[in-house]
Amino acid sequence: MIRPGEHRHVLFDVDGTIAETEGNAHLPAFNRALKEAGLSWHWTSADYKHLLKTTGGFERLLRFASENGHDVDALRDTLAAVHKNKNRHFADIMASGAVLPRAGFGDLVMSLARNNIGWSVVTTTSRGNWEALWNYSLAPLGLPSPEVIVCGEDVSAKKPDPEAYLIALKRLNMPAAECCAIEDSRNGLLAARAAGLEVAIVRSEFFADENFSEATRLVDELHELSLTDKANRFDE
């Protein structure tokens, strides 16, 4: 899928793609914040898999409230506070060293650098969550920093809307044909494809069974996408 000399940049999703943060950090952080707020809700992995069909942490809280018969308007301020505190708990979990990058991520980024291919981040998680992952799990690998970082605060519509990818392409001043994306979810795949990008999917904990028929490449781990030299291609 990535063709050195043709593709100049790779756009990475974050949660589930760069690291398995959903089950290992986001879910426990939500449950800590819900308990802290005095709410009796406790999300299981099955609950969270269902809620992940909706992009955005605050949006998932609203969906859960609605689907379980709660007055969403009456709870909106409470849930906004839960979401803010959830991000604080997420940062604490990341600082503990509990979440490592997915196998092969560091090697993949370095292989891109050796082939003069840049990388950027396109996520609709919050900037604070990205910074926690970068500071505690990724920067210690000695990787080059991403050239562009698009986060949830930068968009008005989250994935599967293509806005985040379109913003990244504009900031990079590159056409979609010179870039490609790596995602783990159908929402992410649809967002990237709508922006005109080829997409590789890496299977993740919560999205492995989704429909990825529009993807150019489907792999189990990121090391399968590493470029060992300029002759290698992601679509082989």
Protein backbone atom coordinates (compact mmCIF):
# COMPACT_ATOMS: atom_id res chain seq x y z
CA MET A 1 0.00 0.00 0.00
CA ILE A 2 2.79 2.46 0.79
CA ARG A 3 5.00 2.93 -2.22
CA PRO A 4 8.29 4.73 -1.55
CA GLY A 5 8.79 7.41 -4.17
CA GLU A 6 5.05 7.78 -4.64
CA HIS A 7 3.77 8.11 -1.10
CA ARG A 8 5.45 10.82 0.97
CA HIS A 9 3.48 10.58 4.20
CA VAL A 10 1.58 8.17 6.47
CA LEU A 11 -1.30 9.37 8.64
CA PHE A 12 -1.78 7.31 11.80
CA ASP A 13 -4.90 6.93 13.88
CA VAL A 14 -4.07 6.66 17.60
CA ASP A 15 -6.34 4.58 19.87
CA GLY A 16 -6.13 0.92 18.91
CA THR A 17 -3.76 1.68 16.04
CA ILE A 18 -0.60 3.00 17.69
CA ALA A 19 -1.39 1.46 21.09
CA GLU A 20 -4.15 -0.68 22.59
CA THR A 21 -5.34 2.17 24.74
CA GLU A 22 -9.08 1.49 24.59
CA GLY A 23 -9.32 -1.49 26.93
CA ASN A 24 -6.10 -0.83 28.83
CA ALA A 25 -6.56 2.87 29.61
CA HIS A 26 -9.74 4.52 28.33
CA LEU A 27 -12.16 1.93 29.75
CA PRO A 28 -10.70 1.83 33.28
CA ALA A 29 -10.39 5.62 33.22
CA PHE A 30 -14.09 5.94 32.39
CA ASN A 31 -15.04 3.59 35.20
CA ARG A 32 -12.90 5.48 37.71
CA ALA A 33 -14.49 8.79 36.67
CA LEU A 34 -18.03 7.37 36.78
CA LYS A 35 -17.47 6.04 40.28
CA GLU A 36 -15.89 9.34 41.33
CA ALA A 37 -19.02 11.16 40.13
CA GLY A 38 -21.26 8.97 42.26
CA LEU A 39 -22.88 7.29 39.26
CA SER A 40 -23.72 3.60 39.53
CA TRP A 41 -22.68 2.91 35.94
CA HIS A 42 -19.83 0.45 35.40
CA TRP A 43 -18.92 -0.41 31.85
CA THR A 44 -17.84 -3.93 30.93
CA SER A 45 -15.71 -4.70 27.89
CA ALA A 46 -18.90 -5.68 26.06
CA ASP A 47 -20.51 -2.35 26.98
CA TYR A 48 -17.49 -0.48 25.76
CA LYS A 49 -17.27 -2.37 22.49
CA HIS A 50 -20.85 -1.34 21.79
CA LEU A 51 -20.19 2.28 22.75
CA LEU A 52 -17.10 2.49 20.55
CA LYS A 53 -19.39 2.53 17.53
CA THR A 54 -19.79 6.19 18.54
CA THR A 55 -16.66 8.31 18.12
CA GLY A 56 -15.74 10.57 21.05
CA GLY A 57 -15.68 9.93 24.79
CA PHE A 58 -18.27 12.52 25.76
CA GLU A 59 -20.51 11.30 22.95
CA ARG A 60 -20.26 7.75 24.34
CA LEU A 61 -21.37 8.96 27.76
CA LEU A 62 -24.38 10.67 26.18
CA ARG A 63 -25.21 7.55 24.18
CA PHE A 64 -25.07 5.32 27.24
CA ALA A 65 -27.31 7.70 29.18
CA SER A 66 -29.84 7.83 26.34
CA GLU A 67 -29.89 4.09 25.73
CA ASN A 68 -30.41 3.38 29.41
CA GLY A 69 -33.37 5.71 29.88
CA HIS A 70 -31.64 8.61 31.64
CA ASP A 71 -32.49 12.28 31.16
CA VAL A 72 -29.58 13.29 28.93
CA ASP A 73 -30.18 17.03 29.27
CA ALA A 74 -30.27 16.82 33.06
CA LEU A 75 -27.02 14.83 33.09
CA ARG A 76 -25.11 16.80 30.47
CA ASP A 77 -23.05 18.92 32.90
CA THR A 78 -22.34 15.91 35.10
CA LEU A 79 -21.19 13.88 32.11
CA ALA A 80 -19.00 16.73 30.87
CA ALA A 81 -17.26 16.66 34.26
CA VAL A 82 -16.98 12.85 34.07
CA HIS A 83 -15.33 13.15 30.67
CA LYS A 84 -12.85 15.75 31.93
CA ASN A 85 -11.96 13.59 34.93
CA LYS A 86 -11.75 10.51 32.75
CA ASN A 87 -8.98 12.19 30.74
CA ARG A 88 -7.13 12.93 33.98
CA HIS A 89 -7.36 9.26 34.97
CA PHE A 90 -6.23 8.28 31.47
CA ALA A 91 -3.09 10.37 31.88
CA ASP A 92 -2.41 8.76 35.26
CA ILE A 93 -2.69 5.29 33.72
CA MET A 94 -0.33 6.24 30.91
CA ALA A 95 2.15 7.75 33.37
CA SER A 96 2.22 4.44 35.24
CA GLY A 97 3.70 2.75 32.19
CA ALA A 98 0.75 0.39 31.88
CA VAL A 99 0.30 0.88 28.12
CA LEU A 100 3.05 0.27 25.60
CA PRO A 101 2.92 1.00 21.88
CA ARG A 102 1.75 -1.84 19.70
CA ALA A 103 4.38 -4.32 18.57
CA GLY A 104 6.27 -3.00 15.60
CA PHE A 105 5.17 0.64 15.86
CA GLY A 106 8.63 2.02 16.56
CA ASP A 107 10.22 -0.08 13.82
CA LEU A 108 7.53 1.02 11.37
CA VAL A 109 8.08 4.73 12.02
CA MET A 110 11.85 4.31 11.74
CA SER A 111 11.46 2.35 8.49
CA LEU A 112 9.38 5.20 7.10
CA ALA A 113 12.08 7.68 8.08
CA ARG A 114 14.74 5.60 6.32
CA ASN A 115 12.63 5.79 3.16
CA ASN A 116 12.12 9.58 3.51
CA ILE A 117 8.44 9.12 4.33
CA GLY A 118 7.00 11.34 7.06
CA TRP A 119 4.31 10.53 9.59
CA SER A 120 1.50 12.43 11.27
CA VAL A 121 -1.32 11.75 13.70
CA VAL A 122 -5.01 12.04 12.85
CA THR A 123 -7.21 11.25 15.82
CA THR A 124 -10.43 12.53 17.31
CA THR A 125 -9.32 11.77 20.84
CA SER A 126 -8.39 14.81 22.93
CA ARG A 127 -5.00 16.49 22.59
CA GLY A 128 -4.30 15.78 26.25
CA ASN A 129 -4.79 12.06 25.68
CA TRP A 130 -2.46 12.13 22.67
CA GLU A 131 0.16 14.02 24.68
CA ALA A 132 -0.03 11.47 27.49
CA LEU A 133 0.54 8.64 25.02
CA TRP A 134 3.39 10.51 23.32
CA ASN A 135 5.14 11.60 26.52
CA TYR A 136 4.95 8.31 28.40
CA SER A 137 4.93 5.61 25.71
CA LEU A 138 6.24 6.92 22.39
CA ALA A 139 8.80 9.68 22.95
CA PRO A 140 11.00 7.33 25.06
CA LEU A 141 11.49 5.23 21.90
CA GLY A 142 13.52 8.08 20.38
CA LEU A 143 11.21 8.45 17.40
CA PRO A 144 11.02 11.53 15.19
CA SER A 145 8.03 13.65 16.21
CA PRO A 146 4.95 13.58 13.96
CA GLU A 147 4.85 16.49 11.53
CA VAL A 148 1.16 17.24 12.02
CA ILE A 149 -1.15 16.34 14.90
CA VAL A 150 -4.91 16.63 14.41
CA CYS A 151 -7.00 15.96 17.54
CA GLY A 152 -10.63 16.11 18.57
CA GLU A 153 -10.43 19.79 19.49
CA ASP A 154 -9.50 20.60 15.88
CA VAL A 155 -12.69 19.31 14.27
CA SER A 156 -16.39 20.02 14.34
CA ALA A 157 -17.30 16.52 13.15
CA LYS A 158 -15.56 13.34 14.30
CA LYS A 159 -14.85 10.15 12.37
CA PRO A 160 -16.40 8.72 10.17
CA ASP A 161 -16.55 12.31 8.91
CA PRO A 162 -13.37 12.97 6.88
CA GLU A 163 -12.77 16.43 8.40
CA ALA A 164 -9.78 15.39 10.53
CA TYR A 165 -8.01 13.86 7.53
CA LEU A 166 -8.82 16.81 5.30
CA ILE A 167 -7.34 19.17 7.90
CA ALA A 168 -4.17 17.06 8.08
CA LEU A 169 -3.76 17.06 4.30
CA LYS A 170 -4.25 20.82 4.21
CA ARG A 171 -1.66 21.38 6.95
CA LEU A 172 0.80 19.10 5.16
CA ASN A 173 0.03 20.80 1.83
CA MET A 174 -0.07 17.37 0.20
CA PRO A 175 -2.67 15.71 -2.03
CA ALA A 176 -4.30 12.52 -0.78
CA ALA A 177 -2.57 10.55 -3.55
CA GLU A 178 0.81 11.24 -1.91
CA CYS A 179 -0.34 9.97 1.50
CA CYS A 180 -2.03 6.97 3.05
CA ALA A 181 -3.59 6.13 6.40
CA ILE A 182 -3.34 3.40 9.02
CA GLU A 183 -6.50 2.76 11.03
CA ASP A 184 -8.08 0.06 13.19
CA SER A 185 -11.83 0.81 13.01
CA ARG A 186 -14.50 1.03 10.36
CA ASN A 187 -15.28 4.62 11.34
CA GLY A 188 -11.64 5.49 10.79
CA LEU A 189 -11.52 3.59 7.52
CA LEU A 190 -14.58 5.44 6.21
CA ALA A 191 -13.15 8.81 7.28
CA ALA A 192 -9.83 8.21 5.53
CA ARG A 193 -11.39 6.79 2.38
CA ALA A 194 -13.77 9.77 2.18
CA ALA A 195 -10.69 12.02 2.22
CA GLY A 196 -9.32 10.10 -0.77
CA LEU A 197 -6.69 8.07 1.09
CA GLU A 198 -5.62 4.48 0.69
CA VAL A 199 -5.97 2.74 4.06
CA ALA A 200 -4.22 -0.11 5.83
CA ILE A 201 -6.12 -1.66 8.74
CA VAL A 202 -4.37 -3.20 11.73
CA ARG A 203 -6.75 -5.41 13.70
CA SER A 204 -7.29 -4.29 17.30
CA GLU A 205 -8.96 -5.56 20.46
CA PHE A 206 -12.41 -4.07 19.92
CA PHE A 207 -12.67 -3.69 16.14
CA ALA A 208 -11.14 -6.87 14.71
CA ASP A 209 -14.48 -8.22 13.47
CA GLU A 210 -15.65 -5.08 11.64
CA ASN A 211 -16.15 -4.83 7.88
CA PHE A 212 -12.94 -3.58 6.26
CA SER A 213 -13.75 -4.41 2.65
CA GLU A 214 -12.70 -0.91 1.49
CA ALA A 215 -9.20 -1.24 2.95
CA THR A 216 -6.15 -1.70 0.73
CA ARG A 217 -4.36 -3.89 3.28
CA LEU A 218 -5.44 -5.76 6.42
CA VAL A 219 -2.83 -6.96 8.94
CA ASP A 220 -2.71 -8.33 12.47
CA GLU A 221 0.29 -6.32 13.67
CA LEU A 222 2.13 -3.18 12.61
CA HIS A 223 5.43 -4.97 11.98
CA GLU A 224 3.78 -6.44 8.87
CA LEU A 225 3.77 -2.93 7.39
CA SER A 226 7.43 -2.06 8.04
CA LEU A 227 9.58 -1.16 5.07
CA THR A 228 12.91 -2.95 5.33
CA ASP A 229 14.24 -1.25 2.22
CA LYS A 230 13.04 0.88 -0.68
CA ALA A 231 12.02 -2.19 -2.66
CA ASN A 232 9.42 -3.31 -0.13
CA ARG A 233 5.79 -2.34 -0.48
CA PHE A 234 2.94 -2.44 1.99
CA ASP A 235 0.64 -4.04 -0.56
CA GLU A 236 2.80 -7.08 -1.24
